[in-house]
């Protein structure tokens, strides 16, 4: 090993067990401080709670606790100011902070790691970080839900075609369509709240894997850090990453919902649809085609969904063959988790802004809703109310649609005489049924697209958000 491949063993977490320092290449390969330093404030918070517990248990002296608290206050200030001396030689966020604390607090700094391991330390820091990330994500989800409600309020009576198989199916209120996404986000929020409960358990005290023989008080630490309880098994406490996987699964569903909405916005903004216009600030142009206005933000969110899905699979794969307890593989959990949290936060924020600036073309939506024989189901249900069995009604209307298509007309534009050819039960009142507004009003059951029902759903949703 050449001199430039060696590092000072004093600067590494190397004990007398080893007779040579780690090589520079291995140091670079194993270091995580470049990305796990974002855990710094959570590490400080957990370390202070641990130190106070040690002092209360008589394991360290009051003066040592005071020195630790003073040193940590300075370290926190340095981290926030961007002046903390991060070093790859100290491997990770935990050792960097511990070494700096020892510089500032002397012997007291060396006592902080009593009754803990980096195994339970990092698990605690990750849970504190993720708890904060969930709270941020929940706030952003609710912000998007409010934006949806605001837009829905304006478009309760705006008629658009509803689609199945991307073919015109039945008319719906645009507000009703928006409220479908509100419901998706409501489930996302419920999942995140539920996930938070499992995140909010304290691993600290599990030490490396078997706990400690020292008289610690885990419940006191849990209470100070705002945890709802402690991890009940020390082996599981240090090796579990279910909570990270679960968050990524929740995030993947959020991104899937955003991606679906983005796909619709991309389609609606196409001149073939013309349902919406995106604000210029959420679009880009072309380097060669001067007329282009590309929905890049929506496309990027759609694309980033694959990124988040990939992180979920990466974490599942990371954990699938690990024996108990902690393994160094788990260093690889942080970058996917951090990037997932960052991606979902950025996507929710920019999508909410984009949606709030969306310009809706009511006339174009209505024009599209008049195509594709979109009230055919209404005619079939009309015949059912007249006593015709549904299967017979379905066949009669199917024949009427075929007839309308042969004449190049919409079903709703056929005259009464034409319609009566397919069922003698059809009367003058059929035209109200075939009208777009009549179709909407008729669906007045719970969960239906009738404007009155949609208004009630919006009001209920606003109350729930409060």
Protein backbone atom coordinates (compact mmCIF):
# COMPACT_ATOMS: atom_id res chain seq x y z
CA UNK A 1 0.00 0.00 0.00
CA UNK A 2 1.47 3.33 -1.00
CA UNK A 3 1.62 6.29 1.34
CA UNK A 4 -1.12 8.14 -0.52
CA UNK A 5 -3.41 5.14 -0.11
CA UNK A 6 -3.09 5.20 3.67
CA UNK A 7 -5.08 7.31 6.07
CA UNK A 8 -4.32 8.21 9.64
CA UNK A 9 -5.79 5.48 11.82
CA UNK A 10 -6.41 8.07 14.51
CA UNK A 11 -8.93 9.75 12.23
CA UNK A 12 -10.92 6.56 11.66
CA UNK A 13 -13.24 4.56 13.88
CA UNK A 14 -10.54 1.87 14.03
CA UNK A 15 -9.81 0.08 17.28
CA UNK A 16 -6.80 -1.86 18.45
CA UNK A 17 -8.36 -4.85 16.71
CA UNK A 18 -6.73 -3.74 13.42
CA UNK A 19 -3.03 -3.50 12.63
CA UNK A 20 -3.28 -1.33 9.53
CA UNK A 21 -5.38 1.64 8.48
CA UNK A 22 -8.10 1.39 5.89
CA UNK A 23 -7.06 2.36 2.36
CA UNK A 24 -8.12 5.66 0.86
CA UNK A 25 -10.14 3.84 -1.77
CA UNK A 26 -12.07 1.85 0.83
CA UNK A 27 -12.55 5.00 2.87
CA UNK A 28 -14.18 6.70 -0.09
CA UNK A 29 -16.24 3.62 -0.89
CA UNK A 30 -17.62 3.16 2.62
CA UNK A 31 -18.11 6.80 3.60
CA UNK A 32 -21.69 8.02 3.78
CA UNK A 33 -21.20 11.52 5.16
CA UNK A 34 -21.73 13.09 1.74
CA UNK A 35 -25.41 12.16 1.92
CA UNK A 36 -26.23 11.27 5.53
CA UNK A 37 -25.14 14.66 6.88
CA UNK A 38 -28.73 15.76 6.33
CA UNK A 39 -29.45 13.72 9.48
CA UNK A 40 -27.24 16.03 11.54
CA UNK A 41 -29.93 17.93 13.43
CA UNK A 42 -31.85 14.75 14.14
CA UNK A 43 -28.63 13.13 15.38
CA UNK A 44 -28.04 16.07 17.71
CA UNK A 45 -31.62 15.95 18.99
CA UNK A 46 -31.44 12.23 19.73
CA UNK A 47 -27.96 12.51 21.26
CA UNK A 48 -29.10 15.22 23.67
CA UNK A 49 -32.07 13.13 24.80
CA UNK A 50 -29.73 10.16 25.26
CA UNK A 51 -27.24 12.25 27.26
CA UNK A 52 -29.95 13.59 29.58
CA UNK A 53 -31.15 10.05 30.21
CA UNK A 54 -27.57 8.92 30.97
CA UNK A 55 -27.21 11.72 33.51
CA UNK A 56 -30.58 10.98 35.12
CA UNK A 57 -29.54 7.32 35.40
CA UNK A 58 -26.27 8.30 37.11
CA UNK A 59 -24.14 7.05 34.22
CA UNK A 60 -22.61 10.45 33.47
CA UNK A 61 -22.18 13.47 35.74
CA UNK A 62 -24.12 16.74 35.63
CA UNK A 63 -21.00 18.60 34.53
CA UNK A 64 -20.46 16.18 31.68
CA UNK A 65 -24.04 16.65 30.52
CA UNK A 66 -23.59 20.42 30.62
CA UNK A 67 -20.44 20.13 28.51
CA UNK A 68 -22.25 17.90 26.02
CA UNK A 69 -25.19 20.30 25.78
CA UNK A 70 -22.90 23.28 25.27
CA UNK A 71 -20.87 21.47 22.62
CA UNK A 72 -23.98 20.28 20.79
CA UNK A 73 -25.37 23.82 20.74
CA UNK A 74 -22.23 24.97 18.96
CA UNK A 75 -22.33 22.03 16.56
CA UNK A 76 -25.95 22.76 15.69
CA UNK A 77 -25.07 26.38 15.02
CA UNK A 78 -22.18 25.32 12.78
CA UNK A 79 -24.38 22.90 10.85
CA UNK A 80 -27.03 25.57 10.28
CA UNK A 81 -24.41 28.12 9.26
CA UNK A 82 -22.79 25.68 6.83
CA UNK A 83 -19.45 25.94 8.64
CA UNK A 84 -19.34 22.48 10.22
CA UNK A 85 -16.05 20.74 9.27
CA UNK A 86 -17.43 17.60 7.63
CA UNK A 87 -14.74 15.01 6.96
CA UNK A 88 -14.91 11.84 4.89
CA UNK A 89 -12.22 10.45 7.20
CA UNK A 90 -14.87 10.26 9.94
CA UNK A 91 -17.07 8.15 7.68
CA UNK A 92 -20.61 9.24 8.59
CA UNK A 93 -22.68 11.94 10.22
CA UNK A 94 -22.55 10.24 13.62
CA UNK A 95 -18.78 10.01 13.92
CA UNK A 96 -18.32 13.50 12.50
CA UNK A 97 -20.52 14.94 15.21
CA UNK A 98 -19.00 12.78 17.94
CA UNK A 99 -15.44 13.77 16.97
CA UNK A 100 -16.37 17.45 16.87
CA UNK A 101 -18.09 17.14 20.24
CA UNK A 102 -14.97 15.53 21.70
CA UNK A 103 -12.91 18.44 20.37
CA UNK A 104 -15.29 20.88 22.09
CA UNK A 105 -16.23 18.99 25.26
CA UNK A 106 -13.20 16.79 25.87
CA UNK A 107 -13.75 13.66 27.97
CA UNK A 108 -17.49 14.35 28.22
CA UNK A 109 -17.77 13.96 24.47
CA UNK A 110 -16.26 10.51 24.69
CA UNK A 111 -18.89 9.44 27.22
CA UNK A 112 -21.87 10.26 24.98
CA UNK A 113 -21.74 6.97 23.10
CA UNK A 114 -22.23 5.00 26.32
CA UNK A 115 -25.10 2.48 26.09
CA UNK A 116 -25.70 2.99 22.39
CA UNK A 117 -24.33 1.83 19.04
CA UNK A 118 -24.33 3.43 15.64
CA UNK A 119 -26.83 0.70 14.78
CA UNK A 120 -29.59 2.01 17.05
CA UNK A 121 -28.35 5.57 16.59
CA UNK A 122 -28.86 5.63 12.83
CA UNK A 123 -32.20 3.83 13.11
CA UNK A 124 -33.36 6.54 15.52
CA UNK A 125 -32.09 9.37 13.34
CA UNK A 126 -33.80 7.89 10.28
CA UNK A 127 -37.10 7.64 12.10
CA UNK A 128 -36.86 11.23 13.32
CA UNK A 129 -36.02 12.37 9.79
CA UNK A 130 -38.83 10.37 8.23
CA UNK A 131 -41.37 11.57 10.78
CA UNK A 132 -40.52 15.13 9.76
CA UNK A 133 -40.67 14.22 6.05
CA UNK A 134 -44.11 12.65 6.51
CA UNK A 135 -45.39 15.76 8.25
CA UNK A 136 -44.09 17.90 5.39
CA UNK A 137 -45.63 15.58 2.80
CA UNK A 138 -49.00 15.60 4.56
CA UNK A 139 -49.00 19.39 4.49
CA UNK A 140 -48.28 19.38 0.76
CA UNK A 141 -51.00 16.78 0.08
CA UNK A 142 -53.52 18.93 1.92
CA UNK A 143 -52.37 21.99 -0.01
CA UNK A 144 -53.07 20.17 -3.27
CA UNK A 145 -56.44 19.02 -1.98
CA UNK A 146 -57.37 22.63 -1.23
CA UNK A 147 -56.33 23.67 -4.74
CA UNK A 148 -58.52 20.89 -6.16
CA UNK A 149 -61.49 22.09 -4.10
CA UNK A 150 -60.99 25.69 -5.22
CA UNK A 151 -60.98 24.64 -8.88
CA UNK A 152 -63.91 22.27 -8.37
CA UNK A 153 -65.96 25.08 -6.82
CA UNK A 154 -65.71 26.96 -10.13
CA UNK A 155 -66.74 24.02 -12.31
CA UNK A 156 -69.62 22.19 -10.67
CA UNK A 157 -71.78 22.93 -13.73
CA UNK A 158 -69.02 22.50 -16.31
CA UNK A 159 -69.85 19.44 -18.42
CA UNK A 160 -67.11 17.25 -19.85
CA UNK A 161 -67.00 13.77 -21.36
CA UNK A 162 -66.13 10.99 -18.97
CA UNK A 163 -64.08 8.24 -20.56
CA UNK A 164 -63.52 4.53 -20.25
CA UNK A 165 -60.91 2.94 -22.52
CA UNK A 166 -60.24 6.57 -23.60
CA UNK A 167 -63.57 6.48 -25.46
CA UNK A 168 -66.45 8.85 -24.68
CA UNK A 169 -68.60 7.11 -22.08
CA UNK A 170 -70.94 9.40 -20.14
CA UNK A 171 -71.08 13.11 -19.36
CA UNK A 172 -69.72 14.19 -15.98
CA UNK A 173 -69.21 17.42 -14.12
CA UNK A 174 -65.60 18.62 -14.39
CA UNK A 175 -65.75 19.24 -10.64
CA UNK A 176 -66.74 15.60 -10.16
CA UNK A 177 -63.70 14.56 -12.17
CA UNK A 178 -61.47 16.74 -9.99
CA UNK A 179 -63.01 15.30 -6.84
CA UNK A 180 -61.91 11.82 -7.93
CA UNK A 181 -58.33 13.01 -7.44
CA UNK A 182 -59.29 14.54 -4.11
CA UNK A 183 -60.40 11.08 -3.00
CA UNK A 184 -57.11 9.53 -4.16
CA UNK A 185 -55.17 12.11 -2.18
CA UNK A 186 -57.38 11.55 0.86
CA UNK A 187 -56.37 7.89 0.81
CA UNK A 188 -52.74 8.94 0.37
CA UNK A 189 -53.00 11.13 3.46
CA UNK A 190 -54.58 8.29 5.45
CA UNK A 191 -51.77 5.94 4.45
CA UNK A 192 -49.13 8.49 5.46
CA UNK A 193 -50.79 9.07 8.83
CA UNK A 194 -50.92 5.33 9.39
CA UNK A 195 -47.30 4.91 8.28
CA UNK A 196 -46.25 7.65 10.71
CA UNK A 197 -47.53 5.59 13.62
CA UNK A 198 -45.12 2.77 12.79
CA UNK A 199 -42.27 5.18 12.09
CA UNK A 200 -42.78 6.83 15.47
CA UNK A 201 -41.15 4.13 17.61
CA UNK A 202 -37.80 4.52 19.37
CA UNK A 203 -34.97 2.08 18.52
CA UNK A 204 -32.41 3.77 20.77
CA UNK A 205 -31.43 1.49 23.64
CA UNK A 206 -31.19 -1.58 21.44
CA UNK A 207 -27.49 -0.76 21.13
CA UNK A 208 -25.72 -2.97 18.59
CA UNK A 209 -28.34 -5.75 18.67
CA UNK A 210 -28.84 -7.13 22.19
CA UNK A 211 -29.40 -4.05 24.31
CA UNK A 212 -27.08 -2.94 27.12
CA UNK A 213 -26.27 -4.02 30.67
CA UNK A 214 -26.31 -0.37 31.80
CA UNK A 215 -29.40 0.98 33.63
CA UNK A 216 -30.98 2.99 30.79
CA UNK A 217 -34.53 4.38 30.61
CA UNK A 218 -35.81 4.04 27.04
CA UNK A 219 -39.30 5.33 27.82
CA UNK A 220 -37.93 8.66 29.04
CA UNK A 221 -35.93 9.10 25.83
CA UNK A 222 -38.96 8.15 23.75
CA UNK A 223 -41.12 10.71 25.53
CA UNK A 224 -38.57 13.50 25.14
CA UNK A 225 -38.22 12.81 21.41
CA UNK A 226 -41.98 12.60 20.85
CA UNK A 227 -42.06 8.89 20.03
CA UNK A 228 -45.29 7.03 20.74
CA UNK A 229 -43.43 4.01 22.09
CA UNK A 230 -40.26 1.97 21.81
CA UNK A 231 -39.27 -0.84 19.48
CA UNK A 232 -39.98 -3.93 21.56
CA UNK A 233 -37.24 -6.25 20.28
CA UNK A 234 -33.62 -5.12 20.17
CA UNK A 235 -32.72 -7.29 17.17
CA UNK A 236 -35.64 -5.94 15.16
CA UNK A 237 -35.03 -2.39 16.35
CA UNK A 238 -31.62 -2.09 14.68
CA UNK A 239 -32.31 -4.12 11.54
CA UNK A 240 -35.86 -3.11 10.63
CA UNK A 241 -36.35 -0.86 7.62
CA UNK A 242 -40.03 -1.65 7.10
CA UNK A 243 -40.85 1.93 7.99
CA UNK A 244 -38.68 3.26 5.16
CA UNK A 245 -40.13 0.78 2.68
CA UNK A 246 -43.67 1.62 3.78
CA UNK A 247 -43.06 5.33 3.30
CA UNK A 248 -41.68 4.69 -0.18
CA UNK A 249 -44.77 2.61 -0.98
CA UNK A 250 -46.99 5.46 0.18
CA UNK A 251 -44.92 7.87 -1.89
CA UNK A 252 -45.16 5.63 -4.95
CA UNK A 253 -48.94 5.75 -4.72
CA UNK A 254 -48.94 9.54 -4.35
CA UNK A 255 -46.72 9.81 -7.41
CA UNK A 256 -48.93 7.37 -9.32
CA UNK A 257 -51.94 9.59 -8.64
CA UNK A 258 -50.04 12.70 -9.70
CA UNK A 259 -48.83 10.89 -12.80
CA UNK A 260 -52.36 9.91 -13.81
CA UNK A 261 -53.51 13.50 -13.42
CA UNK A 262 -50.49 14.75 -15.34
CA UNK A 263 -51.30 12.37 -18.18
CA UNK A 264 -54.80 13.82 -18.37
CA UNK A 265 -53.53 17.39 -18.28
CA UNK A 266 -51.08 16.57 -21.08
CA UNK A 267 -53.93 15.17 -23.17
CA UNK A 268 -56.31 18.00 -22.32
CA UNK A 269 -53.72 20.63 -23.27
CA UNK A 270 -53.29 19.05 -26.71
CA UNK A 271 -55.16 21.07 -29.39
CA UNK A 272 -57.09 17.90 -30.30
CA UNK A 273 -58.75 18.21 -26.88
CA UNK A 274 -58.27 21.89 -26.04
CA UNK A 275 -59.87 21.41 -22.63
CA UNK A 276 -57.22 23.36 -20.70
CA UNK A 277 -54.38 25.80 -21.13
CA UNK A 278 -51.28 25.60 -18.98
CA UNK A 279 -49.68 28.80 -17.77
CA UNK A 280 -46.54 29.60 -19.74
CA UNK A 281 -44.37 29.35 -16.65
CA UNK A 282 -45.05 25.62 -16.45
CA UNK A 283 -44.13 24.93 -20.08
CA UNK A 284 -41.10 25.13 -22.32
CA UNK A 285 -40.56 25.66 -26.03
CA UNK A 286 -38.65 23.80 -28.69
CA UNK A 287 -35.12 24.49 -29.90
CA UNK A 288 -36.29 24.00 -33.49
CA UNK A 289 -40.09 24.41 -33.62
CA UNK A 290 -41.06 27.96 -32.66
CA UNK A 291 -44.76 27.19 -32.21
CA UNK A 292 -44.30 24.56 -29.50
CA UNK A 293 -45.57 24.89 -25.94
CA UNK A 294 -44.57 21.69 -24.20
CA UNK A 295 -46.11 20.56 -20.86
CA UNK A 296 -42.69 19.75 -19.41
CA UNK A 297 -43.63 20.04 -15.73
CA UNK A 298 -46.45 17.52 -16.11
CA UNK A 299 -44.19 15.24 -18.13
CA UNK A 300 -41.41 15.42 -15.56
CA UNK A 301 -43.75 14.54 -12.70
CA UNK A 302 -44.98 11.61 -14.77
CA UNK A 303 -41.37 10.59 -15.36
CA UNK A 304 -40.30 10.99 -11.73
CA UNK A 305 -42.96 8.48 -10.77
CA UNK A 306 -40.72 5.79 -12.24
CA UNK A 307 -37.85 7.10 -10.14
CA UNK A 308 -39.86 6.76 -6.91
CA UNK A 309 -41.16 3.33 -7.91
CA UNK A 310 -37.54 2.31 -8.50
CA UNK A 311 -36.54 3.43 -5.01
CA UNK A 312 -39.29 1.28 -3.52
CA UNK A 313 -38.05 -1.77 -5.41
CA UNK A 314 -34.45 -0.95 -4.44
CA UNK A 315 -35.30 -0.93 -0.73
CA UNK A 316 -37.32 -4.13 -0.97
CA UNK A 317 -34.40 -5.77 -2.75
CA UNK A 318 -31.93 -4.37 -0.20
CA UNK A 319 -33.75 -6.05 2.66
CA UNK A 320 -34.88 -9.31 1.08
CA UNK A 321 -31.88 -11.48 2.06
CA UNK A 322 -30.50 -9.84 5.19
CA UNK A 323 -30.11 -12.06 8.24
CA UNK A 324 -30.57 -10.52 11.67
CA UNK A 325 -29.37 -8.14 12.89
CA UNK A 326 -27.74 -5.03 11.40
CA UNK A 327 -25.71 -5.35 8.18
CA UNK A 328 -23.73 -2.69 6.36
CA UNK A 329 -26.05 -3.15 3.39
CA UNK A 330 -28.37 -0.82 5.25
CA UNK A 331 -26.15 2.14 4.49
CA UNK A 332 -27.76 1.90 1.05
CA UNK A 333 -31.21 2.72 2.44
CA UNK A 334 -30.62 6.43 2.82
CA UNK A 335 -30.16 7.75 -0.70
CA UNK A 336 -33.34 6.09 -2.06
CA UNK A 337 -35.27 7.24 1.00
CA UNK A 338 -33.94 10.80 0.87
CA UNK A 339 -34.53 11.10 -2.85
CA UNK A 340 -38.06 9.74 -2.51
CA UNK A 341 -38.89 12.34 0.13
CA UNK A 342 -37.33 15.12 -1.94
CA UNK A 343 -39.03 14.02 -5.16
CA UNK A 344 -42.50 13.71 -3.71
CA UNK A 345 -42.23 17.07 -1.95
CA UNK A 346 -41.05 18.88 -5.08
CA UNK A 347 -43.66 17.17 -7.26
CA UNK A 348 -46.56 17.98 -4.94
CA UNK A 349 -45.48 21.60 -4.61
CA UNK A 350 -45.04 22.31 -8.32
CA UNK A 351 -48.16 20.35 -9.30
CA UNK A 352 -50.26 22.40 -6.87
CA UNK A 353 -48.93 25.63 -8.39
CA UNK A 354 -49.54 24.36 -11.92
CA UNK A 355 -53.09 23.29 -11.12
CA UNK A 356 -53.90 26.60 -9.45
CA UNK A 357 -52.91 28.42 -12.65
CA UNK A 358 -54.84 26.08 -14.99
CA UNK A 359 -57.19 27.78 -17.47
CA UNK A 360 -60.27 25.66 -18.25
CA UNK A 361 -62.07 25.87 -21.60
CA UNK A 362 -65.69 25.13 -20.67
CA UNK A 363 -66.95 25.47 -24.23
CA UNK A 364 -64.49 22.94 -25.62
CA UNK A 365 -65.31 20.47 -22.88
CA UNK A 366 -69.01 20.83 -23.62
CA UNK A 367 -68.45 20.47 -27.34
CA UNK A 368 -66.57 17.21 -26.76
CA UNK A 369 -69.31 15.97 -24.43
CA UNK A 370 -71.79 16.15 -27.31
CA UNK A 371 -69.82 13.59 -29.32
CA UNK A 372 -69.73 9.82 -29.15
CA UNK A 373 -73.44 9.22 -28.34
CA UNK A 374 -72.51 9.99 -24.77
CA UNK A 375 -76.04 9.84 -23.34
CA UNK A 376 -76.79 6.39 -24.76
CA UNK A 377 -76.78 4.86 -21.27
CA UNK A 378 -79.31 7.47 -20.19
CA UNK A 379 -81.62 6.31 -22.98
CA UNK A 380 -81.25 2.69 -21.89
CA UNK A 381 -82.07 3.60 -18.28
CA UNK A 382 -85.02 5.69 -19.54
CA UNK A 383 -86.42 2.56 -21.17
CA UNK A 384 -85.86 0.58 -17.95
CA UNK A 385 -88.00 3.13 -16.11
CA UNK A 386 -90.64 2.56 -18.79
CA UNK A 387 -90.68 -1.14 -17.93
CA UNK A 388 -88.26 -2.54 -20.52
CA UNK A 389 -85.80 -5.17 -19.19
CA UNK A 390 -82.29 -3.74 -19.17
CA UNK A 391 -80.82 -6.23 -21.65
CA UNK A 392 -83.61 -5.44 -24.12
CA UNK A 393 -83.14 -1.73 -23.53
CA UNK A 394 -79.38 -2.08 -24.06
CA UNK A 395 -79.92 -3.84 -27.40
CA UNK A 396 -82.51 -1.31 -28.58
CA UNK A 397 -80.18 1.61 -27.83
CA UNK A 398 -77.23 -0.16 -29.47
CA UNK A 399 -79.29 -0.43 -32.66
CA UNK A 400 -80.29 3.22 -32.37
CA UNK A 401 -76.61 4.21 -32.07
CA UNK A 402 -75.73 2.17 -35.14
CA UNK A 403 -78.56 3.87 -37.02
CA UNK A 404 -77.36 7.31 -35.90
CA UNK A 405 -73.83 6.54 -37.05
CA UNK A 406 -75.11 5.42 -40.46
CA UNK A 407 -76.69 8.84 -40.81
CA UNK A 408 -73.62 10.70 -39.52
CA UNK A 409 -75.57 12.06 -36.56
CA UNK A 410 -75.37 11.94 -32.80
CA UNK A 411 -77.97 9.86 -30.96
CA UNK A 412 -79.25 12.93 -29.15
CA UNK A 413 -79.93 14.62 -32.52
CA UNK A 414 -82.27 11.94 -33.86
CA UNK A 415 -85.93 12.87 -34.10
CA UNK A 416 -88.70 11.25 -32.09
CA UNK A 417 -89.92 9.20 -35.03
CA UNK A 418 -86.44 7.80 -35.59
CA UNK A 419 -86.07 6.90 -31.94
CA UNK A 420 -89.47 5.23 -31.71
CA UNK A 421 -88.35 2.78 -34.42
CA UNK A 422 -86.28 1.09 -31.73
CA UNK A 423 -88.83 1.15 -28.90
CA UNK A 424 -92.47 2.15 -28.82
CA UNK A 425 -91.99 3.16 -25.17
CA UNK A 426 -90.02 6.26 -26.19
CA UNK A 427 -91.97 9.50 -25.80
CA UNK A 428 -91.50 13.26 -25.99
CA UNK A 429 -89.85 13.31 -22.57
CA UNK A 430 -86.83 11.46 -24.00
CA UNK A 431 -85.07 14.63 -25.10
CA UNK A 432 -84.63 15.88 -21.55
CA UNK A 433 -82.98 12.55 -20.78
CA UNK A 434 -80.66 12.86 -23.77
CA UNK A 435 -79.56 16.40 -22.83
CA UNK A 436 -76.19 16.77 -21.10
CA UNK A 437 -77.57 18.62 -18.08
CA UNK A 438 -80.39 16.09 -17.78
CA UNK A 439 -77.87 13.29 -17.72
CA UNK A 440 -75.91 14.97 -14.95
CA UNK A 441 -78.96 15.82 -12.83
CA UNK A 442 -80.24 12.25 -13.07
CA UNK A 443 -77.21 10.89 -11.23
CA UNK A 444 -78.16 12.35 -7.89
CA UNK A 445 -77.29 9.40 -5.67
CA UNK A 446 -74.40 9.46 -3.19
CA UNK A 447 -71.16 9.60 -5.17
CA UNK A 448 -72.91 10.62 -8.39
CA UNK A 449 -72.06 13.46 -10.75
CA UNK A 450 -75.24 15.52 -10.25
CA UNK A 451 -74.23 19.14 -9.50
CA UNK A 452 -76.10 19.11 -6.19
CA UNK A 453 -74.23 16.00 -5.12
CA UNK A 454 -70.90 17.43 -6.25
CA UNK A 455 -71.50 20.63 -4.27
CA UNK A 456 -72.26 18.53 -1.20
CA UNK A 457 -69.10 16.49 -1.75
CA UNK A 458 -66.99 19.65 -1.98
CA UNK A 459 -68.52 21.02 1.22
CA UNK A 460 -67.92 17.73 3.03
CA UNK A 461 -64.32 17.65 1.81
CA UNK A 462 -63.63 21.20 2.99
CA UNK A 463 -65.00 20.34 6.41
CA UNK A 464 -62.81 17.23 6.56
CA UNK A 465 -59.69 19.25 5.68
CA UNK A 466 -60.35 21.68 8.48
